[in-house]
Amino acid sequence: MKKLILITNDDGVFSPGLWAAAEAVMDLGELLIVAPMHQQTGMGRSFPKSEKLGIIEKVKIRLRGQDVEAFGIHGSPAYAVAHGVLELAGRKPDLCISGINYGENLGLSLTCSGTLGAAFEANSHGIPAIAVSRQADLAIQQEINYANMDWEASKRITFECASEVLREGLPEGVRILNINVPDGAVEKRITRQSMLNYSVFIKPEARDFRKSYKLKTRLDVEAEKTEKNSDIYAFFFDRMISITPLTWDLSVNVNWDFRNHDIIS
């Protein structure tokens, strides 16, 4: 039986990045393409409510010159994955690929990512997951008019990692691979997630609190402060593809005496 690969993202089912991910792995197995019906960048693993929540639309997307069926879900990236696994897949997928995302997901910023949120949702169902993101200017990362991008390097690393995971599985203790591809990158490096922000919000100028306002962001990266073995350093300073193995455990390995506020080593 062919391997079943769930393809998803947070940019929407009509994103060229999603199509690039599907094209990269369509020779590796059977594809189930399930993604938000509309742009959902920055949703993390959230489950927000909406009037159309859970509506599923069949759509056609173009892969290698042929029309392929996909499903657009009205809901967040995590919701899209949940509906894909619970309702649309005839069996549990062997792998989930989330991406290829417009914009990198690095350091502490990855917790905001709908791309990673979808990957974590898939893994919560016992499915190994790969999240793939490529460099894109902050100004276009939430656009509904998708910019033309070169996807070849991202497609190549997606194929390589998907082939490895389908053949060998993820290494012990690893639940998700977070892959980030800078422009022009050829070499790759296994990295750790940086404990620094990659992008930060900008303090607004004086404004009318009664009117809506979208916080603006900027990159916040300094070489001397960035861990040399981190995803940010590999991606931003060394211009290498960063492959960061992730797990769910956010706890610290210490004992805490709550009454006395002492850390017990």
C-alpha atoms as a PDB file:
ATOM      1  CA  MET A   1       0.000   0.000   0.000  1.00  0.00           C
ATOM      2  CA  LYS A   2       1.248   3.479  -0.847  1.00  0.00           C
ATOM      3  CA  LYS A   3       2.209   5.804   1.967  1.00  0.00           C
ATOM      4  CA  LEU A   4      -0.420   8.447   2.748  1.00  0.00           C
ATOM      5  CA  ILE A   5       0.985  11.971   3.023  1.00  0.00           C
ATOM      6  CA  LEU A   6      -1.125  14.790   4.463  1.00  0.00           C
ATOM      7  CA  ILE A   7      -0.194  18.151   2.915  1.00  0.00           C
ATOM      8  CA  THR A   8      -1.322  21.287   4.743  1.00  0.00           C
ATOM      9  CA  ASN A   9      -0.262  24.872   5.512  1.00  0.00           C
ATOM     10  CA  ASP A  10      -1.424  28.153   7.026  1.00  0.00           C
ATOM     11  CA  ASP A  11      -1.299  30.371   3.914  1.00  0.00           C
ATOM     12  CA  GLY A  12      -4.388  28.779   2.384  1.00  0.00           C
ATOM     13  CA  VAL A  13      -5.232  26.017  -0.032  1.00  0.00           C
ATOM     14  CA  PHE A  14      -4.435  28.166  -3.088  1.00  0.00           C
ATOM     15  CA  SER A  15      -0.934  29.082  -1.927  1.00  0.00           C
ATOM     16  CA  PRO A  16       1.845  28.306  -4.422  1.00  0.00           C
ATOM     17  CA  GLY A  17       3.921  27.159  -1.450  1.00  0.00           C
ATOM     18  CA  LEU A  18       1.388  24.434  -0.645  1.00  0.00           C
ATOM     19  CA  TRP A  19       1.404  23.358  -4.266  1.00  0.00           C
ATOM     20  CA  ALA A  20       5.213  23.277  -4.245  1.00  0.00           C
ATOM     21  CA  ALA A  21       5.211  20.990  -1.186  1.00  0.00           C
ATOM     22  CA  ALA A  22       2.731  18.665  -2.876  1.00  0.00           C
ATOM     23  CA  GLU A  23       4.768  18.564  -6.071  1.00  0.00           C
ATOM     24  CA  ALA A  24       7.924  17.816  -4.099  1.00  0.00           C
ATOM     25  CA  VAL A  25       6.546  14.592  -2.616  1.00  0.00           C
ATOM     26  CA  MET A  26       3.842  13.426  -5.019  1.00  0.00           C
ATOM     27  CA  ASP A  27       6.061  10.544  -6.192  1.00  0.00           C
ATOM     28  CA  LEU A  28       6.517   9.300  -2.621  1.00  0.00           C
ATOM     29  CA  GLY A  29       2.923   8.238  -1.977  1.00  0.00           C
ATOM     30  CA  GLU A  30      -0.750   9.115  -2.040  1.00  0.00           C
ATOM     31  CA  LEU A  31      -1.502  12.763  -1.233  1.00  0.00           C
ATOM     32  CA  LEU A  32      -4.300  14.161   0.906  1.00  0.00           C
ATOM     33  CA  ILE A  33      -4.229  17.941   0.505  1.00  0.00           C
ATOM     34  CA  VAL A  34      -6.165  19.713   3.253  1.00  0.00           C
ATOM     35  CA  ALA A  35      -5.576  23.369   4.146  1.00  0.00           C
ATOM     36  CA  PRO A  36      -7.434  26.461   5.351  1.00  0.00           C
ATOM     37  CA  MET A  37      -9.750  27.904   2.737  1.00  0.00           C
ATOM     38  CA  HIS A  38      -8.241  31.339   3.321  1.00  0.00           C
ATOM     39  CA  GLN A  39      -5.041  32.925   4.603  1.00  0.00           C
ATOM     40  CA  GLN A  40      -4.468  31.943   8.261  1.00  0.00           C
ATOM     41  CA  THR A  41      -0.896  33.048   8.996  1.00  0.00           C
ATOM     42  CA  GLY A  42       0.005  33.565  12.656  1.00  0.00           C
ATOM     43  CA  MET A  43      -2.757  31.377  14.089  1.00  0.00           C
ATOM     44  CA  GLY A  44      -0.451  28.999  15.971  1.00  0.00           C
ATOM     45  CA  ARG A  45      -2.359  25.897  17.067  1.00  0.00           C
ATOM     46  CA  SER A  46      -5.478  27.903  17.871  1.00  0.00           C
ATOM     47  CA  PHE A  47      -9.079  26.789  17.411  1.00  0.00           C
ATOM     48  CA  PRO A  48     -11.019  30.046  16.976  1.00  0.00           C
ATOM     49  CA  LYS A  49     -14.758  29.975  16.333  1.00  0.00           C
ATOM     50  CA  SER A  50     -16.397  31.502  13.265  1.00  0.00           C
ATOM     51  CA  GLU A  51     -19.729  31.411  11.480  1.00  0.00           C
ATOM     52  CA  LYS A  52     -18.415  29.109   8.735  1.00  0.00           C
ATOM     53  CA  LEU A  53     -16.248  26.959  10.997  1.00  0.00           C
ATOM     54  CA  GLY A  54     -15.913  23.381   9.754  1.00  0.00           C
ATOM     55  CA  ILE A  55     -17.309  23.925   6.255  1.00  0.00           C
ATOM     56  CA  ILE A  56     -15.278  21.835   3.803  1.00  0.00           C
ATOM     57  CA  GLU A  57     -15.021  22.757   0.130  1.00  0.00           C
ATOM     58  CA  LYS A  58     -13.567  20.579  -2.616  1.00  0.00           C
ATOM     59  CA  VAL A  59     -11.270  22.567  -4.872  1.00  0.00           C
ATOM     60  CA  LYS A  60      -8.935  21.862  -7.772  1.00  0.00           C
ATOM     61  CA  ILE A  61      -5.293  22.833  -7.688  1.00  0.00           C
ATOM     62  CA  ARG A  62      -2.723  22.526 -10.463  1.00  0.00           C
ATOM     63  CA  LEU A  63       0.218  20.178  -9.908  1.00  0.00           C
ATOM     64  CA  ARG A  64       2.675  19.390 -12.685  1.00  0.00           C
ATOM     65  CA  GLY A  65       0.163  20.414 -15.329  1.00  0.00           C
ATOM     66  CA  GLN A  66      -2.745  18.360 -14.008  1.00  0.00           C
ATOM     67  CA  ASP A  67      -5.760  19.144 -11.855  1.00  0.00           C
ATOM     68  CA  VAL A  68      -5.617  17.538  -8.415  1.00  0.00           C
ATOM     69  CA  GLU A  69      -8.368  17.453  -5.788  1.00  0.00           C
ATOM     70  CA  ALA A  70      -7.799  19.309  -2.546  1.00  0.00           C
ATOM     71  CA  PHE A  71      -9.947  20.365   0.406  1.00  0.00           C
ATOM     72  CA  GLY A  72     -10.345  23.889   1.726  1.00  0.00           C
ATOM     73  CA  ILE A  73     -11.387  24.021   5.378  1.00  0.00           C
ATOM     74  CA  HIS A  74     -13.060  27.046   6.924  1.00  0.00           C
ATOM     75  CA  GLY A  75     -10.992  27.276  10.087  1.00  0.00           C
ATOM     76  CA  SER A  76      -7.466  27.538  11.423  1.00  0.00           C
ATOM     77  CA  PRO A  77      -4.529  25.417  10.217  1.00  0.00           C
ATOM     78  CA  ALA A  78      -4.941  23.127  13.230  1.00  0.00           C
ATOM     79  CA  TYR A  79      -8.654  22.761  12.483  1.00  0.00           C
ATOM     80  CA  ALA A  80      -7.823  21.898   8.878  1.00  0.00           C
ATOM     81  CA  VAL A  81      -5.519  19.115  10.020  1.00  0.00           C
ATOM     82  CA  ALA A  82      -8.065  17.803  12.534  1.00  0.00           C
ATOM     83  CA  HIS A  83     -10.789  17.605   9.879  1.00  0.00           C
ATOM     84  CA  GLY A  84      -8.342  16.029   7.456  1.00  0.00           C
ATOM     85  CA  VAL A  85      -7.340  13.301   9.893  1.00  0.00           C
ATOM     86  CA  LEU A  86     -10.771  12.636  11.402  1.00  0.00           C
ATOM     87  CA  GLU A  87     -13.039  12.998   8.368  1.00  0.00           C
ATOM     88  CA  LEU A  88     -11.153  12.975   5.067  1.00  0.00           C
ATOM     89  CA  ALA A  89      -8.395  10.411   5.521  1.00  0.00           C
ATOM     90  CA  GLY A  90      -9.442   6.809   5.061  1.00  0.00           C
ATOM     91  CA  ARG A  91      -6.545   5.778   7.301  1.00  0.00           C
ATOM     92  CA  LYS A  92      -4.002   7.512   9.505  1.00  0.00           C
ATOM     93  CA  PRO A  93      -1.494   9.414   7.355  1.00  0.00           C
ATOM     94  CA  ASP A  94       2.093   8.201   7.470  1.00  0.00           C
ATOM     95  CA  LEU A  95       3.444  11.755   7.355  1.00  0.00           C
ATOM     96  CA  CYS A  96       2.230  15.353   7.524  1.00  0.00           C
ATOM     97  CA  ILE A  97       4.025  18.109   5.626  1.00  0.00           C
ATOM     98  CA  SER A  98       3.040  21.656   6.586  1.00  0.00           C
ATOM     99  CA  GLY A  99       4.176  24.370   4.180  1.00  0.00           C
ATOM    100  CA  ILE A 100       5.942  25.511   2.184  1.00  0.00           C
ATOM    101  CA  ASN A 101       5.346  28.684   4.173  1.00  0.00           C
ATOM    102  CA  TYR A 102       5.834  32.257   3.023  1.00  0.00           C
ATOM    103  CA  GLY A 103       8.243  33.412   5.724  1.00  0.00           C
ATOM    104  CA  GLU A 104      10.679  31.751   8.102  1.00  0.00           C
ATOM    105  CA  ASN A 105       9.701  30.380  11.524  1.00  0.00           C
ATOM    106  CA  LEU A 106      12.660  30.657  13.865  1.00  0.00           C
ATOM    107  CA  GLY A 107      13.494  30.971  17.546  1.00  0.00           C
ATOM    108  CA  LEU A 108      10.713  31.976  19.908  1.00  0.00           C
ATOM    109  CA  SER A 109       8.643  33.218  16.975  1.00  0.00           C
ATOM    110  CA  LEU A 110       7.740  29.673  15.973  1.00  0.00           C
ATOM    111  CA  THR A 111       5.043  29.466  18.671  1.00  0.00           C
ATOM    112  CA  CYS A 112       3.050  32.039  16.669  1.00  0.00           C
ATOM    113  CA  SER A 113       3.253  30.008  13.491  1.00  0.00           C
ATOM    114  CA  GLY A 114       0.217  28.404  11.924  1.00  0.00           C
ATOM    115  CA  THR A 115       2.624  26.264   9.913  1.00  0.00           C
ATOM    116  CA  LEU A 116       4.023  24.806  13.137  1.00  0.00           C
ATOM    117  CA  GLY A 117       0.543  24.757  14.694  1.00  0.00           C
ATOM    118  CA  ALA A 118      -0.673  22.485  11.911  1.00  0.00           C
ATOM    119  CA  ALA A 119       2.383  20.242  12.323  1.00  0.00           C
ATOM    120  CA  PHE A 120       1.826  19.954  16.082  1.00  0.00           C
ATOM    121  CA  GLU A 121      -1.851  19.175  15.550  1.00  0.00           C
ATOM    122  CA  ALA A 122      -0.921  16.366  13.150  1.00  0.00           C
ATOM    123  CA  ASN A 123       1.593  15.006  15.618  1.00  0.00           C
ATOM    124  CA  SER A 124      -1.004  15.056  18.395  1.00  0.00           C
ATOM    125  CA  HIS A 125      -2.763  12.389  16.307  1.00  0.00           C
ATOM    126  CA  GLY A 126       0.418  10.301  16.229  1.00  0.00           C
ATOM    127  CA  ILE A 127       1.565  11.454  12.788  1.00  0.00           C
ATOM    128  CA  PRO A 128       5.217  12.410  12.229  1.00  0.00           C
ATOM    129  CA  ALA A 129       5.357  15.945  10.852  1.00  0.00           C
ATOM    130  CA  ILE A 130       7.637  18.226   8.873  1.00  0.00           C
ATOM    131  CA  ALA A 131       7.156  22.001   8.792  1.00  0.00           C
ATOM    132  CA  VAL A 132       8.867  23.795   5.895  1.00  0.00           C
ATOM    133  CA  SER A 133       9.256  27.558   5.581  1.00  0.00           C
ATOM    134  CA  ARG A 134      11.197  29.719   3.143  1.00  0.00           C
ATOM    135  CA  GLN A 135      12.542  33.210   3.545  1.00  0.00           C
ATOM    136  CA  ALA A 136      10.088  35.982   2.755  1.00  0.00           C
ATOM    137  CA  ASP A 137       9.872  39.626   3.709  1.00  0.00           C
ATOM    138  CA  LEU A 138       7.676  40.340   6.731  1.00  0.00           C
ATOM    139  CA  ALA A 139       5.554  42.626   4.549  1.00  0.00           C
ATOM    140  CA  ILE A 140       4.258  39.774   2.364  1.00  0.00           C
ATOM    141  CA  GLN A 141       3.881  36.978   4.907  1.00  0.00           C
ATOM    142  CA  GLN A 142       0.152  37.545   5.461  1.00  0.00           C
ATOM    143  CA  GLU A 143      -0.811  38.581   1.947  1.00  0.00           C
ATOM    144  CA  ILE A 144      -3.705  37.002   0.087  1.00  0.00           C
ATOM    145  CA  ASN A 145      -2.116  37.916  -3.251  1.00  0.00           C
ATOM    146  CA  TYR A 146       0.715  35.410  -3.257  1.00  0.00           C
ATOM    147  CA  ALA A 147       4.109  36.689  -4.413  1.00  0.00           C
ATOM    148  CA  ASN A 148       6.101  34.816  -7.021  1.00  0.00           C
ATOM    149  CA  MET A 149       8.883  32.870  -5.308  1.00  0.00           C
ATOM    150  CA  ASP A 150      11.574  30.368  -6.239  1.00  0.00           C
ATOM    151  CA  TRP A 151      10.552  27.144  -4.489  1.00  0.00           C
ATOM    152  CA  GLU A 152      13.235  24.808  -5.829  1.00  0.00           C
ATOM    153  CA  ALA A 153      15.553  24.703  -2.796  1.00  0.00           C
ATOM    154  CA  SER A 154      12.572  24.285  -0.472  1.00  0.00           C
ATOM    155  CA  LYS A 155      11.125  21.514  -2.622  1.00  0.00           C
ATOM    156  CA  ARG A 156      14.463  19.714  -2.674  1.00  0.00           C
ATOM    157  CA  ILE A 157      14.897  19.665   1.105  1.00  0.00           C
ATOM    158  CA  THR A 158      11.218  18.756   1.549  1.00  0.00           C
ATOM    159  CA  PHE A 159      11.694  15.731  -0.693  1.00  0.00           C
ATOM    160  CA  GLU A 160      14.925  14.691   1.043  1.00  0.00           C
ATOM    161  CA  CYS A 161      13.488  14.898   4.556  1.00  0.00           C
ATOM    162  CA  ALA A 162      10.143  13.344   3.630  1.00  0.00           C
ATOM    163  CA  SER A 163      11.911  10.428   1.933  1.00  0.00           C
ATOM    164  CA  GLU A 164      14.053   9.856   5.039  1.00  0.00           C
ATOM    165  CA  VAL A 165      11.140  10.041   7.487  1.00  0.00           C
ATOM    166  CA  LEU A 166       8.937   7.725   5.402  1.00  0.00           C
ATOM    167  CA  ARG A 167      11.783   5.219   5.129  1.00  0.00           C
ATOM    168  CA  GLU A 168      13.343   5.408   8.609  1.00  0.00           C
ATOM    169  CA  GLY A 169      10.904   7.363  10.769  1.00  0.00           C
ATOM    170  CA  LEU A 170      11.934  10.280  12.962  1.00  0.00           C
ATOM    171  CA  PRO A 171      14.857   9.871  15.377  1.00  0.00           C
ATOM    172  CA  GLU A 172      13.897   8.744  18.878  1.00  0.00           C
ATOM    173  CA  GLY A 173      12.346  11.562  20.875  1.00  0.00           C
ATOM    174  CA  VAL A 174      11.800  13.788  17.823  1.00  0.00           C
ATOM    175  CA  ARG A 175       8.206  14.672  16.947  1.00  0.00           C
ATOM    176  CA  ILE A 176       8.545  17.398  14.301  1.00  0.00           C
ATOM    177  CA  LEU A 177      11.241  18.696  11.959  1.00  0.00           C
ATOM    178  CA  ASN A 178      11.170  22.483  11.599  1.00  0.00           C
ATOM    179  CA  ILE A 179      12.904  23.386   8.328  1.00  0.00           C
ATOM    180  CA  ASN A 180      13.765  26.946   7.277  1.00  0.00           C
ATOM    181  CA  VAL A 181      15.247  27.798   3.882  1.00  0.00           C
ATOM    182  CA  PRO A 182      17.021  31.119   3.236  1.00  0.00           C
ATOM    183  CA  ASP A 183      17.325  32.560  -0.252  1.00  0.00           C
ATOM    184  CA  GLY A 184      20.159  30.986  -2.209  1.00  0.00           C
ATOM    185  CA  ALA A 185      20.858  28.277   0.353  1.00  0.00           C
ATOM    186  CA  VAL A 186      22.558  25.060  -0.731  1.00  0.00           C
ATOM    187  CA  GLU A 187      24.024  23.558   2.450  1.00  0.00           C
ATOM    188  CA  LYS A 188      22.023  22.399   5.464  1.00  0.00           C
ATOM    189  CA  ARG A 189      22.649  22.115   9.190  1.00  0.00           C
ATOM    190  CA  ILE A 190      20.944  20.378  12.103  1.00  0.00           C
ATOM    191  CA  THR A 191      20.218  23.114  14.643  1.00  0.00           C
ATOM    192  CA  ARG A 192      18.602  23.863  17.976  1.00  0.00           C
ATOM    193  CA  GLN A 193      15.738  26.264  18.422  1.00  0.00           C
ATOM    194  CA  SER A 194      17.077  29.644  19.503  1.00  0.00           C
ATOM    195  CA  MET A 195      15.856  31.008  22.804  1.00  0.00           C
ATOM    196  CA  LEU A 196      15.677  34.474  21.244  1.00  0.00           C
ATOM    197  CA  ASN A 197      12.950  36.305  19.387  1.00  0.00           C
ATOM    198  CA  TYR A 198      13.492  36.526  15.648  1.00  0.00           C
ATOM    199  CA  SER A 199      10.937  39.236  15.031  1.00  0.00           C
ATOM    200  CA  VAL A 200       9.381  41.606  17.551  1.00  0.00           C
ATOM    201  CA  PHE A 201       6.468  44.024  17.685  1.00  0.00           C
ATOM    202  CA  ILE A 202       7.134  47.739  17.307  1.00  0.00           C
ATOM    203  CA  LYS A 203       5.741  50.097  19.948  1.00  0.00           C
ATOM    204  CA  PRO A 204       2.883  52.063  18.345  1.00  0.00           C
ATOM    205  CA  GLU A 205       2.951  55.818  18.162  1.00  0.00           C
ATOM    206  CA  ALA A 206       0.215  57.820  19.892  1.00  0.00           C
ATOM    207  CA  ARG A 207      -3.107  56.715  18.419  1.00  0.00           C
ATOM    208  CA  ASP A 208      -6.860  56.632  18.939  1.00  0.00           C
ATOM    209  CA  PHE A 209      -7.598  53.536  21.088  1.00  0.00           C
ATOM    210  CA  ARG A 210     -11.155  53.456  19.703  1.00  0.00           C
ATOM    211  CA  LYS A 211      -9.873  52.536  16.236  1.00  0.00           C
ATOM    212  CA  SER A 212      -8.503  49.184  15.174  1.00  0.00           C
ATOM    213  CA  TYR A 213      -4.775  48.865  14.841  1.00  0.00           C
ATOM    214  CA  LYS A 214      -2.460  46.123  13.580  1.00  0.00           C
ATOM    215  CA  LEU A 215       0.882  45.942  15.384  1.00  0.00           C
ATOM    216  CA  LYS A 216       3.870  46.225  13.075  1.00  0.00           C
ATOM    217  CA  THR A 217       6.891  43.939  13.347  1.00  0.00           C
ATOM    218  CA  ARG A 218      10.614  44.080  12.641  1.00  0.00           C
ATOM    219  CA  LEU A 219      13.489  41.608  12.709  1.00  0.00           C
ATOM    220  CA  ASP A 220      15.512  41.628  15.922  1.00  0.00           C
ATOM    221  CA  VAL A 221      18.750  39.736  15.258  1.00  0.00           C
ATOM    222  CA  GLU A 222      22.273  40.377  16.596  1.00  0.00           C
ATOM    223  CA  ALA A 223      25.144  37.999  15.876  1.00  0.00           C
ATOM    224  CA  GLU A 224      26.876  38.412  19.232  1.00  0.00           C
ATOM    225  CA  LYS A 225      23.681  37.507  21.118  1.00  0.00           C
ATOM    226  CA  THR A 226      22.622  34.593  18.937  1.00  0.00           C
ATOM    227  CA  GLU A 227      23.556  31.017  19.840  1.00  0.00           C
ATOM    228  CA  LYS A 228      26.019  29.631  17.265  1.00  0.00           C
ATOM    229  CA  ASN A 229      24.226  26.259  17.102  1.00  0.00           C
ATOM    230  CA  SER A 230      20.775  27.787  16.684  1.00  0.00           C
ATOM    231  CA  ASP A 231      18.274  27.927  13.851  1.00  0.00           C
ATOM    232  CA  ILE A 232      18.542  31.719  13.692  1.00  0.00           C
ATOM    233  CA  TYR A 233      22.340  31.701  13.372  1.00  0.00           C
ATOM    234  CA  ALA A 234      22.382  29.037  10.658  1.00  0.00           C
ATOM    235  CA  PHE A 235      19.587  30.687   8.689  1.00  0.00           C
ATOM    236  CA  PHE A 236      20.339  34.383   9.105  1.00  0.00           C
ATOM    237  CA  PHE A 237      24.119  34.591   9.456  1.00  0.00           C
ATOM    238  CA  ASP A 238      25.474  31.463   7.752  1.00  0.00           C
ATOM    239  CA  ARG A 239      22.716  31.349   5.086  1.00  0.00           C
ATOM    240  CA  MET A 240      22.201  27.615   5.540  1.00  0.00           C
ATOM    241  CA  ILE A 241      19.045  25.527   5.562  1.00  0.00           C
ATOM    242  CA  SER A 242      18.157  24.995   9.215  1.00  0.00           C
ATOM    243  CA  ILE A 243      16.666  21.652  10.257  1.00  0.00           C
ATOM    244  CA  THR A 244      15.538  21.766  13.884  1.00  0.00           C
ATOM    245  CA  PRO A 245      14.200  18.602  15.568  1.00  0.00           C
ATOM    246  CA  LEU A 246      11.363  19.524  17.947  1.00  0.00           C
ATOM    247  CA  THR A 247       9.452  17.820  20.715  1.00  0.00           C
ATOM    248  CA  TRP A 248       6.499  18.777  22.914  1.00  0.00           C
ATOM    249  CA  ASP A 249       8.238  18.926  26.283  1.00  0.00           C
ATOM    250  CA  LEU A 250       8.332  22.574  27.418  1.00  0.00           C
ATOM    251  CA  SER A 251       9.029  21.729  31.046  1.00  0.00           C
ATOM    252  CA  VAL A 252      12.330  22.329  32.859  1.00  0.00           C
ATOM    253  CA  ASN A 253      14.075  19.349  34.433  1.00  0.00           C
ATOM    254  CA  VAL A 254      14.185  20.621  38.035  1.00  0.00           C
ATOM    255  CA  ASN A 255      12.311  20.014  41.267  1.00  0.00           C
ATOM    256  CA  TRP A 256      10.682  23.064  42.820  1.00  0.00           C
ATOM    257  CA  ASP A 257       9.710  23.364  46.472  1.00  0.00           C
ATOM    258  CA  PHE A 258       6.675  25.586  45.980  1.00  0.00           C
ATOM    259  CA  ARG A 259       6.263  26.435  49.669  1.00  0.00           C
ATOM    260  CA  ASN A 260       9.794  27.727  50.085  1.00  0.00           C
ATOM    261  CA  HIS A 261      10.302  28.847  46.468  1.00  0.00           C
ATOM    262  CA  ASP A 262      13.535  26.884  46.325  1.00  0.00           C
ATOM    263  CA  ILE A 263      14.879  25.005  43.360  1.00  0.00           C
ATOM    264  CA  ILE A 264      15.979  21.495  44.397  1.00  0.00           C
ATOM    265  CA  SER A 265      18.716  20.142  42.162  1.00  0.00           C
END
